[in-house]
Amino acid sequence: MSNKRKRYNPEFKAKVALAALKNEETMSELAARFGVHPTMIAGWKRALLEGATDIFDKNQKTKKQAEEHVDELYRQIGRLQVERDFLSRKLSQ
């Protein structure tokens, strides 16, 4: 018997969290309707509220792209240094 946890996709979590934000149903009603524990719904609701500011932060996306670009440049530098060292050793032989 396996004890694997069920994984929920982000769309489902967002749907449940938005339903919880509307406050039209109690947590128990939402839990019964969606088939998840009320604690999970509360956590998803909290995560939605905490992450809501990131949705409207346009600089967040550009910062992430800049970090990815810097990482790629460091990889290129490392590769070029290895090539340079290899070629200089071959030339000196």
Protein backbone atom coordinates (compact mmCIF):
# COMPACT_ATOMS: atom_id res chain seq x y z
CA MET A 1 0.00 0.00 0.00
CA SER A 2 1.51 3.33 -1.00
CA ASN A 3 1.18 6.47 1.08
CA LYS A 4 1.60 8.98 -1.70
CA ARG A 5 0.18 12.41 -1.17
CA LYS A 6 -2.20 13.74 -3.73
CA ARG A 7 -0.83 16.67 -5.69
CA TYR A 8 -3.13 19.43 -6.86
CA ASN A 9 -2.42 21.53 -9.91
CA PRO A 10 -2.08 25.32 -9.58
CA GLU A 11 -5.34 25.97 -11.42
CA PHE A 12 -7.29 23.90 -8.90
CA LYS A 13 -5.55 25.58 -5.96
CA ALA A 14 -6.32 29.02 -7.37
CA LYS A 15 -9.96 28.07 -7.94
CA VAL A 16 -10.36 26.85 -4.36
CA ALA A 17 -8.47 29.83 -2.88
CA LEU A 18 -10.62 32.30 -4.81
CA ALA A 19 -13.75 30.54 -3.61
CA ALA A 20 -12.43 30.86 -0.05
CA LEU A 21 -11.75 34.57 -0.56
CA LYS A 22 -15.35 35.17 -1.62
CA ASN A 23 -16.57 34.01 1.82
CA GLU A 24 -19.83 32.75 0.33
CA GLU A 25 -19.33 29.33 1.94
CA THR A 26 -17.70 28.15 5.14
CA MET A 27 -14.38 26.33 5.05
CA SER A 28 -16.18 23.09 5.88
CA GLU A 29 -18.56 23.55 2.95
CA LEU A 30 -15.68 24.34 0.61
CA ALA A 31 -13.76 21.32 1.89
CA ALA A 32 -16.72 19.05 1.21
CA ARG A 33 -17.36 20.59 -2.20
CA PHE A 34 -13.77 20.31 -3.42
CA GLY A 35 -12.75 17.23 -1.47
CA VAL A 36 -9.78 18.73 0.35
CA HIS A 37 -9.02 19.44 4.00
CA PRO A 38 -9.98 22.90 5.37
CA THR A 39 -6.37 23.44 6.51
CA MET A 40 -5.18 23.08 2.91
CA ILE A 41 -7.76 25.62 1.76
CA ALA A 42 -6.62 28.07 4.44
CA GLY A 43 -3.00 27.63 3.35
CA TRP A 44 -3.82 28.17 -0.31
CA LYS A 45 -5.87 31.25 0.58
CA ARG A 46 -2.96 32.65 2.63
CA ALA A 47 -0.52 31.94 -0.22
CA LEU A 48 -2.81 33.70 -2.67
CA LEU A 49 -3.05 36.77 -0.46
CA GLU A 50 0.72 36.87 0.13
CA GLY A 51 1.56 36.39 -3.55
CA ALA A 52 -1.00 38.84 -4.89
CA THR A 53 1.46 41.73 -4.83
CA ASP A 54 3.85 39.83 -7.12
CA ILE A 55 1.18 39.72 -9.81
CA PHE A 56 1.22 43.49 -10.10
CA ASP A 57 4.97 43.91 -9.72
CA LYS A 58 6.28 44.33 -13.26
CA ASN A 59 9.88 44.65 -12.07
CA GLN A 60 9.75 41.12 -10.65
CA LYS A 61 9.71 39.59 -14.13
CA THR A 62 12.55 41.77 -15.39
CA LYS A 63 14.64 40.98 -12.29
CA LYS A 64 14.20 37.27 -12.87
CA GLN A 65 15.14 37.63 -16.55
CA ALA A 66 18.23 39.65 -15.58
CA GLU A 67 19.31 36.99 -13.08
CA GLU A 68 18.89 34.27 -15.72
CA HIS A 69 20.94 36.32 -18.18
CA VAL A 70 23.74 36.83 -15.62
CA ASP A 71 23.76 33.09 -14.87
CA GLU A 72 24.11 32.32 -18.58
CA LEU A 73 26.98 34.80 -18.90
CA TYR A 74 28.82 33.20 -15.95
CA ARG A 75 28.41 29.78 -17.62
CA GLN A 76 29.91 31.17 -20.83
CA ILE A 77 32.82 32.71 -18.92
CA GLY A 78 33.54 29.40 -17.23
CA ARG A 79 33.44 27.52 -20.52
CA LEU A 80 35.76 30.04 -22.19
CA GLN A 81 38.24 29.84 -19.31
CA VAL A 82 38.36 26.06 -19.58
CA GLU A 83 38.92 26.30 -23.34
CA ARG A 84 41.66 28.91 -22.87
CA ASP A 85 43.46 26.82 -20.26
CA PHE A 86 43.23 23.71 -22.44
CA LEU A 87 44.57 25.50 -25.52
CA SER A 88 47.40 27.18 -23.60
CA ARG A 89 48.50 23.79 -22.21
CA LYS A 90 48.42 22.24 -25.70
CA LEU A 91 50.39 25.14 -27.16
CA SER A 92 53.12 24.92 -24.53
CA GLN A 93 53.67 21.18 -25.20
